[in-house]
Protein backbone atom coordinates (compact mmCIF):
# COMPACT_ATOMS: atom_id res chain seq x y z
CA UNK A 1 39.98 236.76 2.57
CA UNK A 2 40.09 239.56 0.00
CA UNK A 3 41.28 238.50 -3.68
CA UNK A 4 43.48 241.25 -2.90
CA UNK A 5 45.17 239.46 0.12
CA UNK A 6 48.30 237.31 -0.50
CA UNK A 7 47.36 233.39 0.32
CA UNK A 8 48.52 230.85 2.42
CA UNK A 9 50.35 227.87 1.03
CA UNK A 10 50.00 225.08 3.99
CA UNK A 11 47.21 224.76 6.48
CA UNK A 12 47.35 222.93 9.67
CA UNK A 13 44.20 221.22 11.51
CA UNK A 14 43.00 219.19 14.08
CA UNK A 15 39.58 218.18 14.50
CA UNK A 16 37.79 216.85 17.57
CA UNK A 17 34.12 215.23 17.68
CA UNK A 18 31.96 211.50 18.58
CA UNK A 19 31.85 208.60 16.08
CA UNK A 20 30.04 206.08 15.39
CA UNK A 21 31.10 201.86 14.85
CA UNK A 22 30.99 201.39 10.97
CA UNK A 23 31.02 197.96 9.95
CA UNK A 24 31.06 196.41 13.54
CA UNK A 25 28.07 194.57 15.48
CA UNK A 26 28.82 197.19 18.22
CA UNK A 27 26.68 199.82 19.70
CA UNK A 28 27.66 202.73 21.11
CA UNK A 29 29.25 206.68 20.40
CA UNK A 30 33.06 207.07 20.73
CA UNK A 31 35.70 209.92 20.46
CA UNK A 32 37.63 210.72 17.32
CA UNK A 33 40.45 212.79 16.71
CA UNK A 34 42.24 213.70 13.26
CA UNK A 35 45.07 215.95 12.67
CA UNK A 36 46.00 217.41 9.23
CA UNK A 37 49.20 219.05 7.40
CA UNK A 38 48.75 220.32 3.90
CA UNK A 39 49.84 222.26 1.09
CA UNK A 40 48.85 224.24 -2.29
CA UNK A 41 46.80 227.26 -3.33
CA UNK A 42 44.78 228.15 -5.77
CA UNK A 43 44.58 226.49 -8.83
CA UNK A 44 45.61 229.03 -11.25
CA UNK A 45 42.79 230.90 -13.46
CA UNK A 46 40.20 229.62 -10.83
CA UNK A 47 38.70 230.08 -7.47
CA UNK A 48 39.71 226.18 -6.80
CA UNK A 49 41.27 225.32 -4.28
CA UNK A 50 43.77 222.02 -4.35
CA UNK A 51 46.42 220.56 -0.99
CA UNK A 52 48.02 217.59 -1.18
CA UNK A 53 46.90 216.35 2.90
CA UNK A 54 49.29 214.03 5.43
CA UNK A 55 46.57 212.78 8.07
CA UNK A 56 46.91 211.09 11.52
CA UNK A 57 43.13 209.86 12.39
CA UNK A 58 41.62 207.84 15.87
CA UNK A 59 38.42 207.03 16.81
CA UNK A 60 37.72 204.88 20.52
CA UNK A 61 34.66 203.11 21.41
CA UNK A 62 33.32 201.32 24.50
CA UNK A 63 30.37 199.53 24.81
CA UNK A 64 29.51 197.50 28.23
CA UNK A 65 28.36 193.76 26.88
CA UNK A 66 26.34 190.90 28.09
CA UNK A 67 26.66 187.39 27.46
CA UNK A 68 23.57 184.59 29.42
CA UNK A 69 26.56 184.33 31.47
CA UNK A 70 28.64 187.38 32.42
CA UNK A 71 29.08 191.07 31.12
CA UNK A 72 32.00 193.19 30.41
CA UNK A 73 33.42 195.32 28.06
CA UNK A 74 34.36 195.79 24.48
CA UNK A 75 36.76 198.75 23.96
CA UNK A 76 37.82 199.07 20.14
CA UNK A 77 40.32 201.58 18.75
CA UNK A 78 41.44 202.58 15.17
CA UNK A 79 43.78 204.74 13.96
CA UNK A 80 44.90 205.53 10.22
CA UNK A 81 47.47 206.72 8.71
CA UNK A 82 47.69 208.44 5.20
CA UNK A 83 47.88 210.78 2.35
CA UNK A 84 45.28 212.23 -0.30
CA UNK A 85 44.14 215.49 -1.82
CA UNK A 86 41.66 218.34 -0.71
CA UNK A 87 39.40 220.89 -2.76
CA UNK A 88 38.10 223.65 -0.74
CA UNK A 89 35.54 225.57 -2.94
CA UNK A 90 34.60 229.79 -1.94
CA UNK A 91 31.31 229.91 -1.28
CA UNK A 92 30.42 233.53 0.42
CA UNK A 93 32.63 235.99 1.83
CA UNK A 94 34.80 234.08 4.60
CA UNK A 95 32.86 230.29 4.01
CA UNK A 96 34.71 227.19 2.60
CA UNK A 97 32.69 224.14 1.78
CA UNK A 98 35.36 221.16 1.45
CA UNK A 99 35.59 217.44 0.32
CA UNK A 100 38.83 215.33 0.35
CA UNK A 101 39.67 211.42 0.22
CA UNK A 102 42.76 209.75 2.18
CA UNK A 103 44.47 206.61 1.93
CA UNK A 104 46.58 204.85 3.54
CA UNK A 105 47.21 202.41 6.42
CA UNK A 106 44.84 201.29 9.19
CA UNK A 107 44.33 199.23 12.24
CA UNK A 108 41.92 198.07 15.25
CA UNK A 109 42.27 196.78 18.15
CA UNK A 110 39.95 194.94 19.85
CA UNK A 111 39.53 193.74 23.54
CA UNK A 112 36.99 192.17 24.82
CA UNK A 113 36.91 191.46 28.67
CA UNK A 114 34.09 189.10 30.15
CA UNK A 115 33.88 188.75 34.09
CA UNK A 116 37.27 189.49 35.85
CA UNK A 117 39.24 186.46 34.26
CA UNK A 118 38.17 185.70 30.56
CA UNK A 119 39.85 187.76 28.10
CA UNK A 120 40.53 188.18 24.03
CA UNK A 121 42.88 190.33 22.57
CA UNK A 122 42.63 191.39 18.30
CA UNK A 123 44.85 193.54 15.81
CA UNK A 124 44.25 193.78 12.68
CA UNK A 125 45.55 195.94 9.18
CA UNK A 126 45.29 197.23 6.69
CA UNK A 127 44.61 199.12 4.09
CA UNK A 128 42.41 202.38 4.84
CA UNK A 129 39.97 204.89 3.31
CA UNK A 130 39.08 208.09 4.53
CA UNK A 131 36.15 210.52 2.65
CA UNK A 132 35.27 213.35 4.61
CA UNK A 133 34.07 216.86 4.27
CA UNK A 134 33.24 220.15 5.92
CA UNK A 135 32.57 223.77 5.87
CA UNK A 136 34.68 226.33 7.60
CA UNK A 137 35.10 230.51 7.91
CA UNK A 138 38.20 232.08 7.75
CA UNK A 139 37.88 234.04 11.34
CA UNK A 140 41.57 236.03 10.10
CA UNK A 141 44.51 235.60 8.11
CA UNK A 142 45.78 233.25 9.52
CA UNK A 143 42.69 230.85 11.67
CA UNK A 144 39.80 229.19 9.90
CA UNK A 145 36.90 227.06 12.50
CA UNK A 146 35.01 224.94 10.54
CA UNK A 147 32.76 221.48 10.83
CA UNK A 148 33.38 218.26 9.45
CA UNK A 149 31.89 215.45 8.50
CA UNK A 150 33.57 211.58 7.82
CA UNK A 151 33.62 207.83 6.91
CA UNK A 152 37.27 205.97 7.44
CA UNK A 153 37.32 201.91 6.63
CA UNK A 154 39.50 199.86 7.11
CA UNK A 155 39.64 196.36 4.41
CA UNK A 156 38.73 193.37 6.64
CA UNK A 157 41.65 190.75 7.27
CA UNK A 158 40.00 188.80 8.65
CA UNK A 159 36.66 186.71 8.16
CA UNK A 160 34.75 187.00 11.28
CA UNK A 161 35.09 189.39 13.70
CA UNK A 162 35.78 187.20 17.03
CA UNK A 163 34.16 189.99 19.04
CA UNK A 164 30.90 189.38 17.11
CA UNK A 165 32.04 185.57 17.81
CA UNK A 166 31.93 185.72 20.94
CA UNK A 167 29.05 188.38 21.99
CA UNK A 168 26.88 185.71 19.54
CA UNK A 169 26.36 188.40 17.79
CA UNK A 170 25.03 188.47 13.44
CA UNK A 171 28.49 188.80 11.49
CA UNK A 172 28.63 192.07 9.49
CA UNK A 173 29.08 191.63 5.70
CA UNK A 174 30.61 194.76 5.80
CA UNK A 175 34.01 195.10 3.16
CA UNK A 176 35.76 197.56 5.15
CA UNK A 177 35.40 198.31 9.37
CA UNK A 178 35.97 201.42 10.35
CA UNK A 179 33.72 204.63 12.11
CA UNK A 180 31.78 207.39 11.18
CA UNK A 181 32.73 210.77 12.71
CA UNK A 182 31.91 214.56 13.13
CA UNK A 183 34.28 217.10 14.09
CA UNK A 184 34.82 220.56 15.53
CA UNK A 185 37.85 222.21 13.89
CA UNK A 186 40.64 224.44 13.71
CA UNK A 187 42.61 225.23 10.55
CA UNK A 188 46.20 227.36 11.20
CA UNK A 189 46.88 229.10 7.79
CA UNK A 190 50.61 229.86 7.07
């Protein structure tokens, strides 16, 4: 977008990609997604853009497990909802780099199945924090494409991760359970 074009005030984004467990003693790669809605614009007298954001994120992980007695599956889902801010900086031409921080509520669901009859479920939630950033290319006035990386963590309110204990793995001492994720994204400007 050139300097003479009228700017837009709202953004709507969809991010899809891969995620990796963080703070869990769990292997595997999973699917991650994030939806973002924002309102904002150029900071007067500067080239910087600032947006207030509302966001909903998801990460899911599945791992085949084994104990000395049985094998099974460990499945985790992380859902977060929150708000925050984004700061964008035009780099060259239609390319921008951005960073954002989001805070809100996160919920973690864990399901561990061992053999045909043994099943464990756990669910907890709490304060969630997401720190992310990315690179966007403005295809047209109303659309950008890009890449994004982020870390999302939910503050632990459980002293022991039961799935890790059942599988006889060492416990993580991390204060947050969550995910690292890497996305491709589409942003609509209106």
